[in-house]
Amino acid sequence: MRRYVLLAALLIGSLAPSGLYAAGSAEGAATGRLKIALVVKNLGNSFFDAVRDGGVEAANEIGNVDVIYQGPSTPTAEGQIEIIDSLLAQKVNALAISADDVDALVPITKKAMKEGVKVISFDSAIAPSGRELHLAPSDDELIGRSQIQTIARMIGYRGEIAILSASSQATNQNVWIGWMKRELQDPKYSAMKLDAVVYGDDLSDESYRQAMGLFKSYPNLRGIVCPTTVGISATAKALEDTGLAGKIALTGLGLPSEMKQYIKDGTCTQMALWNPIDLGYTAVMIADDLIKGNIAEVAPGDVFEAGRMGVIRVGDGNVAVMSTPFVFDAGNIDKFASIY
């Protein structure tokens, strides 16, 4: 764990304002080093900064790979398309993308693949025609159902709840919400009601405003689920600012470093997340395998050797699952907040 802390500290200190981080990237083409671009939903997001750290760890372990880390300032497909076009001009060998829109990136990523660039998505998928593989951080059904199971325990399986998501186009969020709604159909949740699904666009200010709107619109609200790291921290702040902490239960997917104070003071007693460091690490390991032709054409049943993450198997739709979500509470939050 210490090496992750040290690595993160070194990276943060050396990250260029443009969003580019590549150990020796300037001379990459001249030295024959491979260039793998991590294209994230937006810069300034701690989750994706941790993804970058894992990607650089993998690149250093492989030994001949430079990582380029870029994303738009605000999470839009248009911003990602512009960045990807620029990366193609830089002759990157692979793109690993967390998509702001499932379909909008397909034309530009198809162009990339025609030019011989390996394309995978991670975290938030690109439609199958626009990528070779999608790396899911966990199983969509498990993520969605577990969010409802957690909030239900918190409120004693009784009362009104709401979901505060990222953008309405975020593919991963929408799939998880679909599974949440299916879980709610179980008779054991008959005394619970989903009042609303609102969207904070993965921006702190907008998520905060949406949370405040939920408090006003639904005075009997007993719980909120935020399957977004930005949304859960903004909602926790809104709960504390309005004196509703402890009165309205909160859970979701959050970064330990951002949620530590809220976990410890009881505003959010339990949340979950996969390790974004592992996610970036695994994405770069898979991209490197594809560049080197270790798997010529990805198909269900294929396996990737992903370093310390072990074997990653490809399933239906060329979707590979990294691991299951990890639950954080007051008993372990200090340990993980020091990592990411």
Protein backbone atom coordinates (compact mmCIF):
# COMPACT_ATOMS: atom_id res chain seq x y z
CA MET A 1 0.00 0.00 0.00
CA ARG A 2 2.89 2.37 0.72
CA ARG A 3 4.04 2.12 -2.86
CA TYR A 4 0.62 3.32 -4.06
CA VAL A 5 0.76 6.33 -1.76
CA LEU A 6 4.28 7.17 -2.87
CA LEU A 7 3.40 6.68 -6.52
CA ALA A 8 0.33 8.88 -6.26
CA ALA A 9 2.32 11.62 -4.54
CA LEU A 10 4.99 11.56 -7.23
CA LEU A 11 2.43 11.61 -10.02
CA ILE A 12 0.36 14.45 -8.63
CA GLY A 13 3.50 16.52 -8.26
CA SER A 14 4.54 15.93 -11.87
CA LEU A 15 1.21 15.91 -13.76
CA ALA A 16 1.19 18.45 -16.56
CA PRO A 17 -1.73 20.91 -16.72
CA SER A 18 -2.72 19.58 -20.16
CA GLY A 19 -3.63 16.24 -18.66
CA LEU A 20 -0.62 14.49 -20.19
CA TYR A 21 1.40 12.11 -18.07
CA ALA A 22 3.84 9.76 -19.70
CA ALA A 23 7.17 8.63 -18.34
CA GLY A 24 9.40 9.59 -21.24
CA SER A 25 6.49 10.11 -23.65
CA ALA A 26 8.21 12.90 -25.54
CA GLU A 27 10.79 10.50 -26.86
CA GLY A 28 8.40 7.54 -27.11
CA ALA A 29 8.21 7.43 -30.89
CA ALA A 30 11.96 7.78 -31.32
CA THR A 31 12.81 4.99 -28.89
CA GLY A 32 10.18 2.54 -30.10
CA ARG A 33 8.27 2.66 -26.82
CA LEU A 34 4.56 1.89 -26.97
CA LYS A 35 2.05 4.65 -26.27
CA ILE A 36 -1.20 3.79 -24.48
CA ALA A 37 -3.70 6.61 -23.96
CA LEU A 38 -6.09 6.60 -21.02
CA VAL A 39 -9.02 8.82 -22.04
CA VAL A 40 -11.25 9.56 -19.05
CA LYS A 41 -14.62 11.24 -18.69
CA ASN A 42 -13.12 14.41 -17.28
CA LEU A 43 -9.98 15.72 -15.60
CA GLY A 44 -10.01 16.86 -11.97
CA ASN A 45 -11.85 13.69 -10.90
CA SER A 46 -10.07 11.83 -8.08
CA PHE A 47 -11.38 8.46 -9.26
CA PHE A 48 -9.74 8.89 -12.65
CA ASP A 49 -6.57 10.29 -11.11
CA ALA A 50 -6.30 6.97 -9.26
CA VAL A 51 -6.95 5.14 -12.55
CA ARG A 52 -3.99 7.05 -14.00
CA ASP A 53 -1.78 5.98 -11.10
CA GLY A 54 -2.58 2.32 -11.74
CA GLY A 55 -1.97 2.73 -15.45
CA VAL A 56 1.47 4.22 -14.84
CA GLU A 57 2.25 1.42 -12.38
CA ALA A 58 1.47 -1.14 -15.09
CA ALA A 59 3.52 0.76 -17.68
CA ASN A 60 6.52 0.85 -15.38
CA GLU A 61 6.13 -2.87 -14.70
CA ILE A 62 5.94 -3.70 -18.42
CA GLY A 63 8.96 -1.54 -19.10
CA ASN A 64 8.51 -0.21 -22.64
CA VAL A 65 5.18 1.60 -22.33
CA ASP A 66 4.33 5.26 -21.90
CA VAL A 67 0.89 6.29 -20.62
CA ILE A 68 -0.84 9.41 -21.93
CA TYR A 69 -3.61 10.54 -19.58
CA GLN A 70 -6.21 12.91 -21.01
CA GLY A 71 -9.84 13.92 -20.68
CA PRO A 72 -12.07 16.95 -21.26
CA SER A 73 -12.48 19.58 -18.57
CA THR A 74 -16.19 18.74 -18.39
CA PRO A 75 -17.62 15.28 -19.11
CA THR A 76 -18.87 15.45 -22.70
CA ALA A 77 -18.61 13.07 -25.65
CA GLU A 78 -17.69 16.01 -27.87
CA GLY A 79 -14.68 16.76 -25.69
CA GLN A 80 -13.56 13.13 -25.77
CA ILE A 81 -13.91 12.95 -29.56
CA GLU A 82 -11.66 15.99 -29.98
CA ILE A 83 -9.07 14.45 -27.65
CA ILE A 84 -9.15 11.06 -29.41
CA ASP A 85 -8.68 12.74 -32.79
CA SER A 86 -5.60 14.50 -31.42
CA LEU A 87 -4.25 11.25 -29.96
CA LEU A 88 -4.57 9.54 -33.34
CA ALA A 89 -2.41 12.28 -34.82
CA GLN A 90 0.17 11.45 -32.12
CA LYS A 91 0.21 7.83 -33.39
CA VAL A 92 -0.76 6.17 -30.11
CA ASN A 93 -0.77 2.38 -30.15
CA ALA A 94 -3.86 1.90 -27.99
CA LEU A 95 -6.79 3.81 -26.53
CA ALA A 96 -8.40 2.83 -23.23
CA ILE A 97 -11.53 4.97 -22.82
CA SER A 98 -14.12 5.57 -20.10
CA ALA A 99 -16.91 6.76 -22.39
CA ASP A 100 -19.13 9.76 -21.76
CA ASP A 101 -21.61 8.34 -24.27
CA VAL A 102 -22.07 4.73 -25.41
CA ASP A 103 -22.71 5.53 -29.08
CA ALA A 104 -21.22 8.96 -29.81
CA LEU A 105 -17.61 7.77 -29.75
CA VAL A 106 -18.15 4.85 -32.15
CA PRO A 107 -17.27 6.70 -35.42
CA ILE A 108 -13.96 8.03 -34.07
CA THR A 109 -12.99 4.73 -32.42
CA LYS A 110 -13.86 2.81 -35.60
CA LYS A 111 -11.50 5.17 -37.41
CA ALA A 112 -8.85 4.40 -34.80
CA MET A 113 -9.22 0.65 -35.25
CA LYS A 114 -8.98 0.99 -39.04
CA GLU A 115 -5.67 2.76 -38.49
CA GLY A 116 -4.42 -0.19 -36.43
CA VAL A 117 -4.95 1.36 -33.01
CA LYS A 118 -6.18 -1.06 -30.34
CA VAL A 119 -9.34 0.24 -28.64
CA ILE A 120 -10.82 -0.89 -25.35
CA SER A 121 -13.27 0.80 -23.02
CA PHE A 122 -13.23 0.57 -19.25
CA ASP A 123 -15.55 1.68 -16.45
CA SER A 124 -18.16 3.14 -18.86
CA ALA A 125 -18.57 1.24 -22.12
CA ILE A 126 -18.38 2.12 -25.77
CA ALA A 127 -20.86 0.22 -27.96
CA PRO A 128 -19.41 -3.14 -29.12
CA SER A 129 -18.88 -1.98 -32.71
CA GLY A 130 -16.54 0.75 -31.47
CA ARG A 131 -14.14 -1.28 -29.35
CA GLU A 132 -12.43 -4.65 -29.11
CA LEU A 133 -13.14 -5.25 -25.44
CA HIS A 134 -14.83 -3.60 -22.47
CA LEU A 135 -13.27 -3.92 -19.02
CA ALA A 136 -16.05 -3.76 -16.45
CA PRO A 137 -14.81 -2.94 -12.94
CA SER A 138 -17.36 -5.38 -11.56
CA ASP A 139 -20.48 -7.23 -12.60
CA ASP A 140 -23.28 -4.79 -13.49
CA GLU A 141 -26.01 -6.88 -11.90
CA LEU A 142 -24.08 -7.29 -8.66
CA ILE A 143 -23.34 -3.56 -8.46
CA GLY A 144 -26.94 -2.52 -9.06
CA ARG A 145 -28.59 -5.05 -6.80
CA SER A 146 -26.09 -4.52 -3.97
CA GLN A 147 -26.81 -0.78 -3.89
CA ILE A 148 -30.50 -1.45 -3.18
CA GLN A 149 -29.69 -4.20 -0.70
CA THR A 150 -27.47 -1.80 1.24
CA ILE A 151 -29.90 1.13 1.37
CA ALA A 152 -32.72 -1.25 2.31
CA ARG A 153 -30.78 -2.50 5.34
CA MET A 154 -30.04 1.07 6.35
CA ILE A 155 -33.72 2.10 6.37
CA GLY A 156 -35.18 -1.16 7.63
CA TYR A 157 -36.75 -2.04 4.27
CA ARG A 158 -39.31 0.73 4.64
CA GLY A 159 -39.69 4.21 3.15
CA GLU A 160 -38.99 6.42 0.15
CA ILE A 161 -35.65 6.47 -1.64
CA ALA A 162 -34.08 8.32 -4.56
CA ILE A 163 -31.13 7.79 -6.89
CA LEU A 164 -28.69 10.59 -7.69
CA SER A 165 -26.67 9.49 -10.73
CA ALA A 166 -24.02 10.99 -13.01
CA SER A 167 -25.17 12.01 -16.51
CA SER A 168 -28.26 10.58 -18.15
CA GLN A 169 -26.03 9.25 -20.95
CA ALA A 170 -23.48 7.46 -18.74
CA THR A 171 -23.70 3.86 -19.87
CA ASN A 172 -22.49 2.23 -16.68
CA GLN A 173 -24.77 4.31 -14.46
CA ASN A 174 -27.82 3.51 -16.56
CA VAL A 175 -27.17 -0.23 -16.52
CA TRP A 176 -26.70 -0.20 -12.74
CA ILE A 177 -29.92 1.78 -12.26
CA GLY A 178 -31.73 -0.76 -14.40
CA TRP A 179 -30.59 -3.52 -12.05
CA MET A 180 -31.55 -1.42 -9.01
CA LYS A 181 -35.09 -1.15 -10.35
CA ARG A 182 -35.22 -4.89 -10.98
CA GLU A 183 -34.02 -5.59 -7.45
CA LEU A 184 -36.77 -3.33 -6.09
CA GLN A 185 -39.36 -5.60 -7.72
CA ASP A 186 -38.60 -8.28 -5.13
CA PRO A 187 -41.53 -8.53 -2.65
CA LYS A 188 -39.21 -7.94 0.29
CA TYR A 189 -39.00 -4.28 -0.84
CA SER A 190 -42.77 -3.83 -1.02
CA ALA A 191 -42.68 -1.18 1.71
CA MET A 192 -40.08 0.86 -0.18
CA LYS A 193 -40.74 3.36 -2.99
CA LEU A 194 -38.34 4.86 -5.53
CA ASP A 195 -39.37 8.51 -5.78
CA ALA A 196 -36.98 9.77 -8.45
CA VAL A 197 -33.79 9.34 -10.42
CA VAL A 198 -31.92 12.63 -10.87
CA TYR A 199 -28.63 13.49 -12.56
CA GLY A 200 -25.76 15.64 -11.33
CA ASP A 201 -23.66 15.26 -14.50
CA ASP A 202 -20.71 14.08 -12.38
CA LEU A 203 -20.12 17.69 -11.33
CA SER A 204 -19.96 18.57 -7.64
CA ASP A 205 -22.02 21.77 -7.82
CA GLU A 206 -24.78 20.25 -9.93
CA SER A 207 -24.90 17.09 -7.80
CA TYR A 208 -25.19 19.25 -4.69
CA ARG A 209 -28.08 21.19 -6.26
CA GLN A 210 -29.83 17.99 -7.26
CA ALA A 211 -29.50 16.62 -3.73
CA MET A 212 -30.97 19.80 -2.28
CA GLY A 213 -33.82 19.51 -4.78
CA LEU A 214 -34.55 15.96 -3.59
CA PHE A 215 -34.77 17.13 0.02
CA LYS A 216 -37.28 19.80 -0.96
CA SER A 217 -39.36 17.71 -3.37
CA TYR A 218 -39.62 14.62 -1.18
CA PRO A 219 -39.95 15.58 2.50
CA ASN A 220 -40.47 11.92 3.49
CA LEU A 221 -37.28 10.75 1.82
CA ARG A 222 -35.45 8.16 3.91
CA GLY A 223 -32.53 7.18 1.71
CA ILE A 224 -30.41 8.19 -1.30
CA VAL A 225 -28.26 5.97 -3.52
CA CYS A 226 -25.44 7.66 -5.43
CA PRO A 227 -23.68 5.29 -7.87
CA THR A 228 -21.12 8.03 -8.65
CA THR A 229 -18.10 9.12 -6.61
CA VAL A 230 -18.78 12.80 -7.32
CA GLY A 231 -22.46 12.52 -6.47
CA ILE A 232 -22.06 10.71 -3.17
CA SER A 233 -19.60 13.24 -1.73
CA ALA A 234 -21.73 16.18 -2.90
CA THR A 235 -24.84 14.60 -1.39
CA ALA A 236 -23.04 13.97 1.89
CA LYS A 237 -22.12 17.64 2.07
CA ALA A 238 -25.71 18.64 1.29
CA LEU A 239 -26.98 16.38 4.07
CA GLU A 240 -24.61 17.94 6.59
CA ASP A 241 -25.31 21.50 5.43
CA THR A 242 -29.06 20.99 5.91
CA GLY A 243 -28.83 19.10 9.19
CA LEU A 244 -30.26 15.98 7.58
CA ALA A 245 -27.20 13.79 8.17
CA GLY A 246 -28.34 10.71 10.06
CA LYS A 247 -31.98 11.38 9.14
CA ILE A 248 -31.65 10.47 5.46
CA ALA A 249 -29.48 7.40 4.84
CA LEU A 250 -26.80 7.61 2.15
CA THR A 251 -24.91 4.93 0.27
CA GLY A 252 -23.40 4.42 -3.18
CA LEU A 253 -20.01 4.26 -4.82
CA GLY A 254 -17.43 6.57 -3.29
CA LEU A 255 -13.72 7.26 -3.02
CA PRO A 256 -12.43 6.50 0.49
CA SER A 257 -10.25 9.63 0.57
CA GLU A 258 -13.23 11.87 -0.26
CA MET A 259 -15.73 10.08 1.97
CA LYS A 260 -13.60 9.41 5.05
CA GLN A 261 -15.05 12.23 7.15
CA TYR A 262 -18.63 11.32 6.18
CA ILE A 263 -18.10 7.65 6.97
CA LYS A 264 -16.56 8.44 10.35
CA ASP A 265 -19.23 10.95 11.41
CA GLY A 266 -22.10 8.68 10.32
CA THR A 267 -23.42 10.72 7.40
CA CYS A 268 -22.74 7.69 5.20
CA THR A 269 -22.27 4.54 7.26
CA GLN A 270 -21.45 2.23 4.36
CA MET A 271 -20.51 2.48 0.68
CA ALA A 272 -18.70 0.42 -1.93
CA LEU A 273 -16.26 0.76 -4.82
CA TRP A 274 -13.73 -1.20 -6.79
CA ASN A 275 -10.15 -0.09 -6.62
CA PRO A 276 -9.57 2.46 -9.44
CA ILE A 277 -5.83 1.89 -9.18
CA ASP A 278 -6.46 -1.74 -10.10
CA LEU A 279 -8.77 -0.63 -12.92
CA GLY A 280 -6.12 1.54 -14.59
CA TYR A 281 -3.49 -1.12 -14.03
CA THR A 282 -5.64 -3.83 -15.63
CA ALA A 283 -6.66 -1.63 -18.59
CA VAL A 284 -3.03 -0.91 -19.47
CA MET A 285 -2.03 -4.56 -19.05
CA ILE A 286 -4.81 -5.65 -21.45
CA ALA A 287 -4.01 -2.89 -23.95
CA ASP A 288 -0.36 -3.93 -23.95
CA ASP A 289 -1.33 -7.56 -24.65
CA LEU A 290 -3.46 -6.43 -27.59
CA ILE A 291 -0.73 -4.23 -29.05
CA LYS A 292 1.77 -7.08 -28.89
CA GLY A 293 -0.66 -9.48 -30.55
CA ASN A 294 -0.86 -11.91 -27.65
CA ILE A 295 -4.55 -12.21 -28.58
CA ALA A 296 -5.06 -11.48 -32.27
CA GLU A 297 -8.84 -11.08 -32.22
CA VAL A 298 -10.69 -10.89 -28.91
CA ALA A 299 -13.52 -13.37 -28.40
CA PRO A 300 -15.51 -14.76 -25.46
CA GLY A 301 -13.46 -17.33 -23.60
CA ASP A 302 -10.13 -15.59 -24.16
CA VAL A 303 -7.98 -14.86 -21.12
CA PHE A 304 -5.52 -12.07 -20.37
CA GLU A 305 -2.64 -12.37 -17.92
CA ALA A 306 -2.92 -9.07 -16.07
CA GLY A 307 0.09 -9.02 -13.76
CA ARG A 308 -0.82 -8.82 -10.08
CA MET A 309 -4.54 -8.89 -11.00
CA GLY A 310 -4.16 -12.44 -12.28
CA VAL A 311 -6.25 -13.90 -15.09
CA ILE A 312 -8.98 -11.72 -16.61
CA ARG A 313 -11.54 -13.69 -18.64
CA VAL A 314 -13.53 -12.36 -21.58
CA GLY A 315 -17.27 -13.03 -21.47
CA ASP A 316 -20.24 -12.43 -23.74
CA GLY A 317 -20.11 -9.27 -25.80
CA ASN A 318 -16.34 -9.15 -25.27
CA VAL A 319 -16.86 -7.85 -21.73
CA ALA A 320 -14.26 -8.76 -19.12
CA VAL A 321 -14.99 -8.35 -15.40
CA MET A 322 -12.19 -7.18 -13.14
CA SER A 323 -13.47 -7.91 -9.62
CA THR A 324 -16.35 -7.46 -7.15
CA PRO A 325 -17.03 -4.16 -5.32
CA PHE A 326 -15.43 -3.68 -1.92
CA VAL A 327 -17.44 -2.35 1.02
CA PHE A 328 -16.09 0.53 3.12
CA ASP A 329 -17.25 1.42 6.63
CA ALA A 330 -15.89 3.01 9.79
CA GLY A 331 -13.79 -0.07 10.49
CA ASN A 332 -11.65 0.15 7.36
CA ILE A 333 -12.01 3.65 5.91
CA ASP A 334 -8.76 5.00 7.42
CA LYS A 335 -6.74 2.24 5.77
CA PHE A 336 -8.11 2.80 2.29
CA ALA A 337 -8.37 6.59 2.46
CA SER A 338 -4.58 6.68 2.60
CA ILE A 339 -4.42 4.88 -0.77
CA TYR A 340 -7.07 6.58 -2.93
